[in-house]
Amino acid sequence: MKTYTMESAVANFDELMEDAQKGRTIYIIGSDGREYELILKHMPVNKPRKPGSARGKIKMSADFDAPLPEFEPYME
């Protein structure tokens, strides 16, 4: 565990990132006195999208293209 001020964290950002990648927890003290924690978070790998996978899940009404009554004054 290492603690940095905001200014030293900005100056040593590459070192902080390396430490976080090694699993170390980094604490940064902000200028307002709050303590922030920098941790490594593993993001899930997205599966490749499959074209057409939403087919049949979205329905449009038959009057989808019909003019809206609220816009009648603008359509004259």
PDB file of N, CA and C in Angstrom:
ATOM      1  N   MET A   1       0.848  -1.171   0.000  1.00  0.00           N
ATOM      2  CA  MET A   1       0.000   0.000   0.000  1.00  0.00           C
ATOM      3  C   MET A   1       0.894   1.234   0.000  1.00  0.00           C
ATOM      4  N   LYS A   2       0.590   2.140  -0.926  1.00  0.00           N
ATOM      5  CA  LYS A   2       1.322   3.396  -1.003  1.00  0.00           C
ATOM      6  C   LYS A   2       0.312   4.535  -0.987  1.00  0.00           C
ATOM      7  N   THR A   3       0.724   5.646  -0.395  1.00  0.00           N
ATOM      8  CA  THR A   3      -0.133   6.820  -0.341  1.00  0.00           C
ATOM      9  C   THR A   3       0.596   7.979  -1.013  1.00  0.00           C
ATOM     10  N   TYR A   4      -0.134   8.691  -1.875  1.00  0.00           N
ATOM     11  CA  TYR A   4       0.422   9.819  -2.616  1.00  0.00           C
ATOM     12  C   TYR A   4      -0.487  11.019  -2.440  1.00  0.00           C
ATOM     13  N   THR A   5       0.073  12.205  -2.568  1.00  0.00           N
ATOM     14  CA  THR A   5      -0.753  13.402  -2.710  1.00  0.00           C
ATOM     15  C   THR A   5      -1.156  13.479  -4.178  1.00  0.00           C
ATOM     16  N   MET A   6      -2.125  14.305  -4.474  1.00  0.00           N
ATOM     17  CA  MET A   6      -2.592  14.426  -5.861  1.00  0.00           C
ATOM     18  C   MET A   6      -1.455  14.887  -6.773  1.00  0.00           C
ATOM     19  N   GLU A   7      -0.646  15.829  -6.296  1.00  0.00           N
ATOM     20  CA  GLU A   7       0.446  16.354  -7.112  1.00  0.00           C
ATOM     21  C   GLU A   7       1.497  15.285  -7.391  1.00  0.00           C
ATOM     22  N   SER A   8       1.867  14.505  -6.369  1.00  0.00           N
ATOM     23  CA  SER A   8       2.872  13.464  -6.595  1.00  0.00           C
ATOM     24  C   SER A   8       2.295  12.319  -7.420  1.00  0.00           C
ATOM     25  N   ALA A   9       0.990  12.087  -7.312  1.00  0.00           N
ATOM     26  CA  ALA A   9       0.360  11.042  -8.124  1.00  0.00           C
ATOM     27  C   ALA A   9       0.407  11.417  -9.598  1.00  0.00           C
ATOM     28  N   VAL A  10       0.158  12.677  -9.903  1.00  0.00           N
ATOM     29  CA  VAL A  10       0.217  13.139 -11.298  1.00  0.00           C
ATOM     30  C   VAL A  10       1.647  13.023 -11.818  1.00  0.00           C
ATOM     31  N   ALA A  11       2.607  13.399 -10.984  1.00  0.00           N
ATOM     32  CA  ALA A  11       4.007  13.358 -11.410  1.00  0.00           C
ATOM     33  C   ALA A  11       4.512  11.928 -11.580  1.00  0.00           C
ATOM     34  N   ASN A  12       3.964  10.985 -10.817  1.00  0.00           N
ATOM     35  CA  ASN A  12       4.425   9.590 -10.861  1.00  0.00           C
ATOM     36  C   ASN A  12       3.352   8.644 -11.394  1.00  0.00           C
ATOM     37  N   PHE A  13       2.549   9.106 -12.322  1.00  0.00           N
ATOM     38  CA  PHE A  13       1.410   8.323 -12.790  1.00  0.00           C
ATOM     39  C   PHE A  13       1.828   6.971 -13.374  1.00  0.00           C
ATOM     40  N   ASP A  14       2.912   6.937 -14.145  1.00  0.00           N
ATOM     41  CA  ASP A  14       3.354   5.667 -14.729  1.00  0.00           C
ATOM     42  C   ASP A  14       3.705   4.661 -13.639  1.00  0.00           C
ATOM     43  N   GLU A  15       4.369   5.120 -12.592  1.00  0.00           N
ATOM     44  CA  GLU A  15       4.729   4.239 -11.475  1.00  0.00           C
ATOM     45  C   GLU A  15       3.469   3.724 -10.768  1.00  0.00           C
ATOM     46  N   LEU A  16       2.485   4.595 -10.587  1.00  0.00           N
ATOM     47  CA  LEU A  16       1.230   4.191  -9.954  1.00  0.00           C
ATOM     48  C   LEU A  16       0.528   3.121 -10.771  1.00  0.00           C
ATOM     49  N   MET A  17       0.506   3.292 -12.080  1.00  0.00           N
ATOM     50  CA  MET A  17      -0.151   2.314 -12.942  1.00  0.00           C
ATOM     51  C   MET A  17       0.564   0.966 -12.884  1.00  0.00           C
ATOM     52  N   GLU A  18       1.880   0.979 -12.871  1.00  0.00           N
ATOM     53  CA  GLU A  18       2.634  -0.271 -12.768  1.00  0.00           C
ATOM     54  C   GLU A  18       2.344  -0.971 -11.449  1.00  0.00           C
ATOM     55  N   ASP A  19       2.315  -0.214 -10.355  1.00  0.00           N
ATOM     56  CA  ASP A  19       2.021  -0.800  -9.054  1.00  0.00           C
ATOM     57  C   ASP A  19       0.607  -1.383  -9.009  1.00  0.00           C
ATOM     58  N   ALA A  20      -0.352  -0.676  -9.593  1.00  0.00           N
ATOM     59  CA  ALA A  20      -1.729  -1.172  -9.619  1.00  0.00           C
ATOM     60  C   ALA A  20      -1.822  -2.454 -10.442  1.00  0.00           C
ATOM     61  N   GLN A  21      -1.065  -2.526 -11.552  1.00  0.00           N
ATOM     62  CA  GLN A  21      -1.078  -3.735 -12.376  1.00  0.00           C
ATOM     63  C   GLN A  21      -0.462  -4.922 -11.651  1.00  0.00           C
ATOM     64  N   LYS A  22       0.396  -4.649 -10.685  1.00  0.00           N
ATOM     65  CA  LYS A  22       1.002  -5.720  -9.890  1.00  0.00           C
ATOM     66  C   LYS A  22       0.097  -6.138  -8.733  1.00  0.00           C
ATOM     67  N   GLY A  23      -1.062  -5.498  -8.605  1.00  0.00           N
ATOM     68  CA  GLY A  23      -2.014  -5.864  -7.564  1.00  0.00           C
ATOM     69  C   GLY A  23      -1.918  -5.038  -6.307  1.00  0.00           C
ATOM     70  N   ARG A  24      -1.068  -4.040  -6.296  1.00  0.00           N
ATOM     71  CA  ARG A  24      -0.936  -3.192  -5.116  1.00  0.00           C
ATOM     72  C   ARG A  24      -2.059  -2.159  -5.090  1.00  0.00           C
ATOM     73  N   THR A  25      -2.474  -1.803  -3.899  1.00  0.00           N
ATOM     74  CA  THR A  25      -3.502  -0.784  -3.739  1.00  0.00           C
ATOM     75  C   THR A  25      -2.821   0.563  -3.524  1.00  0.00           C
ATOM     76  N   ILE A  26      -3.281   1.558  -4.258  1.00  0.00           N
ATOM     77  CA  ILE A  26      -2.697   2.901  -4.208  1.00  0.00           C
ATOM     78  C   ILE A  26      -3.742   3.847  -3.628  1.00  0.00           C
ATOM     79  N   TYR A  27      -3.341   4.654  -2.668  1.00  0.00           N
ATOM     80  CA  TYR A  27      -4.216   5.669  -2.099  1.00  0.00           C
ATOM     81  C   TYR A  27      -3.696   7.041  -2.492  1.00  0.00           C
ATOM     82  N   ILE A  28      -4.623   7.894  -2.931  1.00  0.00           N
ATOM     83  CA  ILE A  28      -4.277   9.253  -3.350  1.00  0.00           C
ATOM     84  C   ILE A  28      -5.081  10.212  -2.490  1.00  0.00           C
ATOM     85  N   ILE A  29      -4.388  11.146  -1.857  1.00  0.00           N
ATOM     86  CA  ILE A  29      -5.041  12.162  -1.034  1.00  0.00           C
ATOM     87  C   ILE A  29      -5.276  13.385  -1.907  1.00  0.00           C
ATOM     88  N   GLY A  30      -6.544  13.718  -2.117  1.00  0.00           N
ATOM     89  CA  GLY A  30      -6.899  14.857  -2.948  1.00  0.00           C
ATOM     90  C   GLY A  30      -6.624  16.175  -2.248  1.00  0.00           C
ATOM     91  N   SER A  31      -6.690  17.255  -3.011  1.00  0.00           N
ATOM     92  CA  SER A  31      -6.444  18.586  -2.436  1.00  0.00           C
ATOM     93  C   SER A  31      -7.525  18.967  -1.433  1.00  0.00           C
ATOM     94  N   ASP A  32      -8.696  18.296  -1.510  1.00  0.00           N
ATOM     95  CA  ASP A  32      -9.773  18.554  -0.559  1.00  0.00           C
ATOM     96  C   ASP A  32      -9.674  17.670   0.683  1.00  0.00           C
ATOM     97  N   GLY A  33      -8.626  16.822   0.756  1.00  0.00           N
ATOM     98  CA  GLY A  33      -8.432  15.959   1.911  1.00  0.00           C
ATOM     99  C   GLY A  33      -9.086  14.597   1.786  1.00  0.00           C
ATOM    100  N   ARG A  34      -9.851  14.376   0.728  1.00  0.00           N
ATOM    101  CA  ARG A  34     -10.483  13.069   0.524  1.00  0.00           C
ATOM    102  C   ARG A  34      -9.444  12.054   0.080  1.00  0.00           C
ATOM    103  N   GLU A  35      -9.700  10.800   0.408  1.00  0.00           N
ATOM    104  CA  GLU A  35      -8.790   9.731   0.036  1.00  0.00           C
ATOM    105  C   GLU A  35      -9.423   8.924  -1.104  1.00  0.00           C
ATOM    106  N   TYR A  36      -8.672   8.724  -2.159  1.00  0.00           N
ATOM    107  CA  TYR A  36      -9.123   7.964  -3.306  1.00  0.00           C
ATOM    108  C   TYR A  36      -8.290   6.700  -3.410  1.00  0.00           C
ATOM    109  N   GLU A  37      -8.899   5.638  -3.879  1.00  0.00           N
ATOM    110  CA  GLU A  37      -8.219   4.361  -3.989  1.00  0.00           C
ATOM    111  C   GLU A  37      -8.095   3.978  -5.460  1.00  0.00           C
ATOM    112  N   LEU A  38      -6.874   3.677  -5.880  1.00  0.00           N
ATOM    113  CA  LEU A  38      -6.616   3.246  -7.251  1.00  0.00           C
ATOM    114  C   LEU A  38      -6.392   1.740  -7.206  1.00  0.00           C
ATOM    115  N   ILE A  39      -7.283   0.989  -7.851  1.00  0.00           N
ATOM    116  CA  ILE A  39      -7.174  -0.467  -7.866  1.00  0.00           C
ATOM    117  C   ILE A  39      -7.293  -0.976  -9.289  1.00  0.00           C
ATOM    118  N   LEU A  40      -6.792  -2.160  -9.521  1.00  0.00           N
ATOM    119  CA  LEU A  40      -6.884  -2.789 -10.825  1.00  0.00           C
ATOM    120  C   LEU A  40      -8.233  -3.485 -10.936  1.00  0.00           C
ATOM    121  N   LYS A  41      -8.954  -3.204 -11.982  1.00  0.00           N
ATOM    122  CA  LYS A  41     -10.251  -3.832 -12.203  1.00  0.00           C
ATOM    123  C   LYS A  41     -10.193  -4.573 -13.530  1.00  0.00           C
ATOM    124  N   HIS A  42     -10.472  -5.841 -13.485  1.00  0.00           N
ATOM    125  CA  HIS A  42     -10.468  -6.638 -14.704  1.00  0.00           C
ATOM    126  C   HIS A  42     -11.809  -6.468 -15.415  1.00  0.00           C
ATOM    127  N   MET A  43     -11.738  -6.040 -16.649  1.00  0.00           N
ATOM    128  CA  MET A  43     -12.946  -5.836 -17.439  1.00  0.00           C
ATOM    129  C   MET A  43     -13.278  -7.122 -18.181  1.00  0.00           C
ATOM    130  N   PRO A  44     -14.557  -7.481 -18.232  1.00  0.00           N
ATOM    131  CA  PRO A  44     -14.922  -8.691 -18.960  1.00  0.00           C
ATOM    132  C   PRO A  44     -14.686  -8.523 -20.458  1.00  0.00           C
ATOM    133  N   VAL A  45     -14.322  -9.596 -21.093  1.00  0.00           N
ATOM    134  CA  VAL A  45     -14.096  -9.574 -22.533  1.00  0.00           C
ATOM    135  C   VAL A  45     -15.450  -9.691 -23.223  1.00  0.00           C
ATOM    136  N   ASN A  46     -15.726  -8.751 -24.098  1.00  0.00           N
ATOM    137  CA  ASN A  46     -16.992  -8.774 -24.831  1.00  0.00           C
ATOM    138  C   ASN A  46     -16.955  -9.828 -25.921  1.00  0.00           C
ATOM    139  N   LYS A  47     -18.077 -10.543 -26.035  1.00  0.00           N
ATOM    140  CA  LYS A  47     -18.192 -11.504 -27.123  1.00  0.00           C
ATOM    141  C   LYS A  47     -18.426 -10.729 -28.421  1.00  0.00           C
ATOM    142  N   PRO A  48     -17.970 -11.255 -29.541  1.00  0.00           N
ATOM    143  CA  PRO A  48     -18.243 -10.570 -30.804  1.00  0.00           C
ATOM    144  C   PRO A  48     -19.753 -10.509 -31.062  1.00  0.00           C
ATOM    145  N   ARG A  49     -20.175  -9.379 -31.607  1.00  0.00           N
ATOM    146  CA  ARG A  49     -21.604  -9.218 -31.891  1.00  0.00           C
ATOM    147  C   ARG A  49     -22.007 -10.063 -33.093  1.00  0.00           C
ATOM    148  N   LYS A  50     -23.227 -10.535 -33.054  1.00  0.00           N
ATOM    149  CA  LYS A  50     -23.747 -11.362 -34.137  1.00  0.00           C
ATOM    150  C   LYS A  50     -24.806 -10.550 -34.889  1.00  0.00           C
ATOM    151  N   PRO A  51     -24.577 -10.260 -36.172  1.00  0.00           N
ATOM    152  CA  PRO A  51     -25.567  -9.488 -36.928  1.00  0.00           C
ATOM    153  C   PRO A  51     -26.920 -10.195 -36.961  1.00  0.00           C
ATOM    154  N   GLY A  52     -27.973  -9.427 -36.753  1.00  0.00           N
ATOM    155  CA  GLY A  52     -29.322  -9.970 -36.826  1.00  0.00           C
ATOM    156  C   GLY A  52     -29.807 -10.604 -35.536  1.00  0.00           C
ATOM    157  N   SER A  53     -29.056 -10.487 -34.458  1.00  0.00           N
ATOM    158  CA  SER A  53     -29.448 -11.149 -33.214  1.00  0.00           C
ATOM    159  C   SER A  53     -30.682 -10.513 -32.563  1.00  0.00           C
ATOM    160  N   ALA A  54     -31.042  -9.286 -32.930  1.00  0.00           N
ATOM    161  CA  ALA A  54     -32.222  -8.629 -32.356  1.00  0.00           C
ATOM    162  C   ALA A  54     -33.446  -8.764 -33.257  1.00  0.00           C
ATOM    163  N   ARG A  55     -33.323  -9.525 -34.332  1.00  0.00           N
ATOM    164  CA  ARG A  55     -34.440  -9.674 -35.265  1.00  0.00           C
ATOM    165  C   ARG A  55     -35.653 -10.251 -34.536  1.00  0.00           C
ATOM    166  N   GLY A  56     -36.799  -9.609 -34.727  1.00  0.00           N
ATOM    167  CA  GLY A  56     -38.040 -10.063 -34.126  1.00  0.00           C
ATOM    168  C   GLY A  56     -38.268  -9.548 -32.713  1.00  0.00           C
ATOM    169  N   LYS A  57     -37.321  -8.854 -32.132  1.00  0.00           N
ATOM    170  CA  LYS A  57     -37.469  -8.365 -30.766  1.00  0.00           C
ATOM    171  C   LYS A  57     -38.021  -6.951 -30.714  1.00  0.00           C
ATOM    172  N   ILE A  58     -38.016  -6.234 -31.838  1.00  0.00           N
ATOM    173  CA  ILE A  58     -38.504  -4.857 -31.887  1.00  0.00           C
ATOM    174  C   ILE A  58     -39.701  -4.809 -32.815  1.00  0.00           C
ATOM    175  N   LYS A  59     -40.786  -4.245 -32.318  1.00  0.00           N
ATOM    176  CA  LYS A  59     -42.016  -4.141 -33.110  1.00  0.00           C
ATOM    177  C   LYS A  59     -42.369  -2.675 -33.297  1.00  0.00           C
ATOM    178  N   MET A  60     -42.801  -2.317 -34.499  1.00  0.00           N
ATOM    179  CA  MET A  60     -43.280  -0.963 -34.777  1.00  0.00           C
ATOM    180  C   MET A  60     -44.756  -1.043 -35.101  1.00  0.00           C
ATOM    181  N   SER A  61     -45.484  -0.055 -34.634  1.00  0.00           N
ATOM    182  CA  SER A  61     -46.918  -0.042 -34.909  1.00  0.00           C
ATOM    183  C   SER A  61     -47.156   0.266 -36.380  1.00  0.00           C
ATOM    184  N   ALA A  62     -48.345  -0.090 -36.844  1.00  0.00           N
ATOM    185  CA  ALA A  62     -48.689   0.107 -38.258  1.00  0.00           C
ATOM    186  C   ALA A  62     -48.728   1.593 -38.622  1.00  0.00           C
ATOM    187  N   ASP A  63     -49.056   2.457 -37.661  1.00  0.00           N
ATOM    188  CA  ASP A  63     -49.134   3.897 -37.944  1.00  0.00           C
ATOM    189  C   ASP A  63     -47.849   4.628 -37.538  1.00  0.00           C
ATOM    190  N   PHE A  64     -46.721   3.969 -37.599  1.00  0.00           N
ATOM    191  CA  PHE A  64     -45.451   4.554 -37.199  1.00  0.00           C
ATOM    192  C   PHE A  64     -45.134   5.826 -37.989  1.00  0.00           C
ATOM    193  N   ASP A  65     -45.423   5.828 -39.281  1.00  0.00           N
ATOM    194  CA  ASP A  65     -45.118   6.973 -40.135  1.00  0.00           C
ATOM    195  C   ASP A  65     -46.236   8.009 -40.184  1.00  0.00           C
ATOM    196  N   ALA A  66     -47.313   7.802 -39.481  1.00  0.00           N
ATOM    197  CA  ALA A  66     -48.440   8.734 -39.517  1.00  0.00           C
ATOM    198  C   ALA A  66     -48.034  10.051 -38.856  1.00  0.00           C
ATOM    199  N   PRO A  67     -48.541  11.170 -39.366  1.00  0.00           N
ATOM    200  CA  PRO A  67     -48.213  12.469 -38.772  1.00  0.00           C
ATOM    201  C   PRO A  67     -48.717  12.561 -37.326  1.00  0.00           C
ATOM    202  N   LEU A  68     -47.963  13.227 -36.489  1.00  0.00           N
ATOM    203  CA  LEU A  68     -48.356  13.406 -35.095  1.00  0.00           C
ATOM    204  C   LEU A  68     -49.259  14.630 -34.976  1.00  0.00           C
ATOM    205  N   PRO A  69     -50.318  14.528 -34.188  1.00  0.00           N
ATOM    206  CA  PRO A  69     -51.237  15.672 -34.061  1.00  0.00           C
ATOM    207  C   PRO A  69     -50.549  16.921 -33.506  1.00  0.00           C
ATOM    208  N   GLU A  70     -49.535  16.751 -32.691  1.00  0.00           N
ATOM    209  CA  GLU A  70     -48.853  17.903 -32.108  1.00  0.00           C
ATOM    210  C   GLU A  70     -48.132  18.744 -33.155  1.00  0.00           C
ATOM    211  N   PHE A  71     -47.822  18.173 -34.316  1.00  0.00           N
ATOM    212  CA  PHE A  71     -47.072  18.883 -35.335  1.00  0.00           C
ATOM    213  C   PHE A  71     -47.953  19.415 -36.472  1.00  0.00           C
ATOM    214  N   GLU A  72     -49.272  19.274 -36.356  1.00  0.00           N
ATOM    215  CA  GLU A  72     -50.171  19.742 -37.422  1.00  0.00           C
ATOM    216  C   GLU A  72     -49.971  21.232 -37.736  1.00  0.00           C
ATOM    217  N   PRO A  73     -49.792  22.121 -36.738  1.00  0.00           N
ATOM    218  CA  PRO A  73     -49.593  23.542 -37.090  1.00  0.00           C
ATOM    219  C   PRO A  73     -48.343  23.785 -37.917  1.00  0.00           C
ATOM    220  N   TYR A  74     -47.358  22.955 -37.795  1.00  0.00           N
ATOM    221  CA  TYR A  74     -46.118  23.145 -38.536  1.00  0.00           C
ATOM    222  C   TYR A  74     -46.173  22.532 -39.936  1.00  0.00           C
ATOM    223  N   MET A  75     -47.155  21.712 -40.196  1.00  0.00           N
ATOM    224  CA  MET A  75     -47.210  20.991 -41.471  1.00  0.00           C
ATOM    225  C   MET A  75     -48.122  21.690 -42.487  1.00  0.00           C
ATOM    226  N   GLU A  76     -48.648  22.822 -42.143  1.00  0.00           N
ATOM    227  CA  GLU A  76     -49.541  23.528 -43.072  1.00  0.00           C
ATOM    228  C   GLU A  76     -48.777  24.364 -44.041  1.00  0.00           C
TER     229      GLU A  76
END
